[in-house]
Structure formats: structure tokens, C-alpha cells
N, C-alpha and C. Protein backbone atom coordinates (compact mmCIF):
# COMPACT_ATOMS: atom_id res chain seq x y z
N MET A 1 88.06 134.79 105.51
CA MET A 1 88.21 133.98 104.32
C MET A 1 87.46 132.66 104.50
N SER A 2 86.71 132.27 103.49
CA SER A 2 86.00 131.00 103.59
C SER A 2 86.70 129.95 102.74
N SER A 3 86.55 128.72 103.13
CA SER A 3 87.15 127.61 102.41
C SER A 3 86.10 126.96 101.53
N ASN A 4 86.41 126.80 100.26
CA ASN A 4 85.48 126.19 99.32
C ASN A 4 86.13 124.94 98.75
N LYS A 5 85.61 123.78 99.09
CA LYS A 5 86.20 122.53 98.63
C LYS A 5 85.51 121.98 97.40
N LYS A 6 84.68 122.80 96.75
CA LYS A 6 83.98 122.37 95.55
C LYS A 6 85.00 122.17 94.42
N THR A 7 84.95 121.03 93.78
CA THR A 7 85.87 120.72 92.69
C THR A 7 85.38 121.37 91.41
N MET A 8 86.24 122.11 90.75
CA MET A 8 85.87 122.79 89.52
C MET A 8 85.67 121.80 88.37
N VAL A 9 86.50 120.80 88.28
CA VAL A 9 86.40 119.80 87.24
C VAL A 9 85.87 118.52 87.89
N PRO A 10 84.73 118.00 87.44
CA PRO A 10 84.10 116.87 88.13
C PRO A 10 85.00 115.66 88.39
N ASN A 11 85.85 115.28 87.45
CA ASN A 11 86.69 114.10 87.63
C ASN A 11 88.02 114.41 88.32
N ALA A 12 88.26 115.66 88.65
CA ALA A 12 89.55 116.06 89.22
C ALA A 12 89.79 115.45 90.59
N ARG A 13 88.77 115.40 91.43
CA ARG A 13 88.95 114.89 92.79
C ARG A 13 89.42 113.44 92.75
N GLU A 14 88.79 112.62 91.93
CA GLU A 14 89.16 111.20 91.82
C GLU A 14 90.58 111.06 91.28
N ALA A 15 90.92 111.85 90.28
CA ALA A 15 92.27 111.80 89.70
C ALA A 15 93.32 112.24 90.71
N MET A 16 93.03 113.30 91.48
CA MET A 16 93.99 113.77 92.48
C MET A 16 94.15 112.76 93.61
N ASN A 17 93.07 112.11 94.01
CA ASN A 17 93.19 111.08 95.05
C ASN A 17 94.04 109.91 94.57
N LYS A 18 93.87 109.51 93.31
CA LYS A 18 94.69 108.44 92.75
C LYS A 18 96.16 108.87 92.70
N PHE A 19 96.39 110.09 92.26
CA PHE A 19 97.75 110.64 92.18
C PHE A 19 98.39 110.68 93.57
N LYS A 20 97.61 111.09 94.57
CA LYS A 20 98.11 111.16 95.95
C LYS A 20 98.48 109.77 96.47
N MET A 21 97.64 108.78 96.18
CA MET A 21 97.91 107.41 96.62
C MET A 21 99.18 106.87 95.96
N GLU A 22 99.37 107.16 94.66
CA GLU A 22 100.58 106.72 93.96
C GLU A 22 101.82 107.36 94.57
N ALA A 23 101.75 108.65 94.84
CA ALA A 23 102.89 109.37 95.43
C ALA A 23 103.20 108.81 96.82
N ALA A 24 102.17 108.55 97.60
CA ALA A 24 102.37 108.00 98.95
C ALA A 24 103.03 106.64 98.88
N ASN A 25 102.60 105.82 97.95
CA ASN A 25 103.19 104.50 97.77
C ASN A 25 104.67 104.60 97.41
N GLU A 26 105.01 105.56 96.56
CA GLU A 26 106.40 105.74 96.13
C GLU A 26 107.32 106.15 97.27
N VAL A 27 106.80 106.89 98.24
CA VAL A 27 107.65 107.32 99.36
C VAL A 27 107.45 106.45 100.60
N GLY A 28 106.65 105.39 100.48
CA GLY A 28 106.50 104.43 101.57
C GLY A 28 105.55 104.85 102.68
N VAL A 29 104.60 105.72 102.35
CA VAL A 29 103.60 106.15 103.34
C VAL A 29 102.31 105.39 103.06
N ASN A 30 101.76 104.76 104.08
CA ASN A 30 100.55 103.97 103.92
C ASN A 30 99.32 104.85 104.15
N LEU A 31 98.68 105.28 103.04
CA LEU A 31 97.47 106.08 103.15
C LEU A 31 96.25 105.19 103.12
N LYS A 32 95.22 105.62 103.84
CA LYS A 32 93.93 104.94 103.81
C LYS A 32 92.98 105.79 102.98
N GLN A 33 91.92 105.18 102.47
CA GLN A 33 90.87 105.97 101.83
C GLN A 33 90.20 106.79 102.92
N GLY A 34 89.94 108.05 102.65
CA GLY A 34 89.28 108.90 103.64
C GLY A 34 90.27 109.62 104.53
N TYR A 35 89.97 109.69 105.80
CA TYR A 35 90.72 110.47 106.77
C TYR A 35 92.10 109.88 107.06
N ASN A 36 93.14 110.73 106.99
CA ASN A 36 94.50 110.31 107.29
C ASN A 36 95.16 111.27 108.28
N GLY A 37 94.38 111.75 109.23
CA GLY A 37 94.88 112.71 110.20
C GLY A 37 95.89 112.16 111.17
N ASP A 38 96.10 110.85 111.14
CA ASP A 38 97.08 110.25 112.04
C ASP A 38 98.50 110.27 111.47
N LEU A 39 98.67 110.81 110.26
CA LEU A 39 100.00 110.90 109.67
C LEU A 39 100.82 111.95 110.40
N THR A 40 102.12 111.74 110.45
CA THR A 40 103.00 112.77 111.00
C THR A 40 103.17 113.87 109.95
N SER A 41 103.64 115.01 110.38
CA SER A 41 103.92 116.11 109.44
C SER A 41 104.94 115.68 108.41
N LYS A 42 105.92 114.91 108.85
CA LYS A 42 106.97 114.44 107.94
C LYS A 42 106.37 113.54 106.86
N GLN A 43 105.48 112.63 107.25
CA GLN A 43 104.86 111.74 106.28
C GLN A 43 103.99 112.52 105.29
N ALA A 44 103.16 113.40 105.81
CA ALA A 44 102.28 114.19 104.93
C ALA A 44 103.11 115.06 104.00
N GLY A 45 104.17 115.64 104.52
CA GLY A 45 105.04 116.49 103.70
C GLY A 45 105.76 115.71 102.62
N SER A 46 106.15 114.48 102.93
CA SER A 46 106.84 113.68 101.92
C SER A 46 105.90 113.31 100.78
N VAL A 47 104.62 113.08 101.10
CA VAL A 47 103.64 112.78 100.05
C VAL A 47 103.43 114.02 99.19
N GLY A 48 103.22 115.16 99.81
CA GLY A 48 103.03 116.40 99.06
C GLY A 48 104.25 116.75 98.23
N GLY A 49 105.42 116.57 98.81
CA GLY A 49 106.66 116.85 98.08
C GLY A 49 106.83 115.95 96.86
N GLN A 50 106.47 114.68 97.02
CA GLN A 50 106.56 113.74 95.90
C GLN A 50 105.58 114.14 94.80
N MET A 51 104.39 114.59 95.19
CA MET A 51 103.40 115.03 94.20
C MET A 51 103.93 116.22 93.40
N VAL A 52 104.51 117.19 94.10
CA VAL A 52 105.07 118.37 93.42
C VAL A 52 106.21 117.96 92.50
N LYS A 53 107.08 117.09 92.98
CA LYS A 53 108.21 116.61 92.17
C LYS A 53 107.71 115.98 90.87
N LYS A 54 106.68 115.14 90.97
CA LYS A 54 106.14 114.47 89.80
C LYS A 54 105.46 115.47 88.85
N MET A 55 104.78 116.48 89.41
CA MET A 55 104.14 117.49 88.57
C MET A 55 105.19 118.30 87.80
N ILE A 56 106.27 118.65 88.47
CA ILE A 56 107.34 119.40 87.81
C ILE A 56 107.98 118.56 86.71
N GLU A 57 108.26 117.29 87.01
CA GLU A 57 108.83 116.40 86.00
C GLU A 57 107.92 116.29 84.78
N SER A 58 106.63 116.15 85.03
CA SER A 58 105.65 116.03 83.94
C SER A 58 105.64 117.31 83.10
N TYR A 59 105.66 118.45 83.75
CA TYR A 59 105.69 119.73 83.04
C TYR A 59 106.95 119.85 82.20
N GLU A 60 108.10 119.53 82.80
CA GLU A 60 109.36 119.64 82.08
C GLU A 60 109.42 118.69 80.90
N ASN A 61 108.89 117.49 81.06
CA ASN A 61 108.88 116.53 79.94
C ASN A 61 107.95 117.00 78.82
N GLY A 62 106.91 117.73 79.16
CA GLY A 62 106.00 118.25 78.16
C GLY A 62 106.58 119.40 77.38
N MET A 63 107.59 120.05 77.93
CA MET A 63 108.23 121.18 77.26
C MET A 63 109.24 120.75 76.22
N LYS A 64 109.67 119.50 76.26
CA LYS A 64 110.73 119.03 75.35
C LYS A 64 110.19 118.68 74.01
């Protein structure tokens, strides 16, 4: 299996990076622009979890 990091929507990468930074800020994780390989699994997971939580909330609010 090959990994393809090409963004399908040109502005999506910038929007997702902004979204990731907002989620990290909300859970108290200090992200840097670029490489963040020094994060613990717990920190990275909390950022990803916050992103999913916000996406679900947004979807549910759109259904009302």
C-alpha cells in the first residue's frame, strides 16, 4: 500500500491545520508549525479526539 498525501481540495490542508491548532489549544497541547513528533501519544490522541468531538458536534448541529 502506498501513502498519498496529495490534498484533494486545495484549501483543505490549510483549513485542517487551523482546525488542528484550535483543537490543540482547547485541550492545552502546545503545537508548533511543522513537525510535532515530540508529542506524547496521549497529547496527540487528545488533539485528535478533540477534533473528532468537534466534527461530530458540528454534524449534529447541522442536522437540527
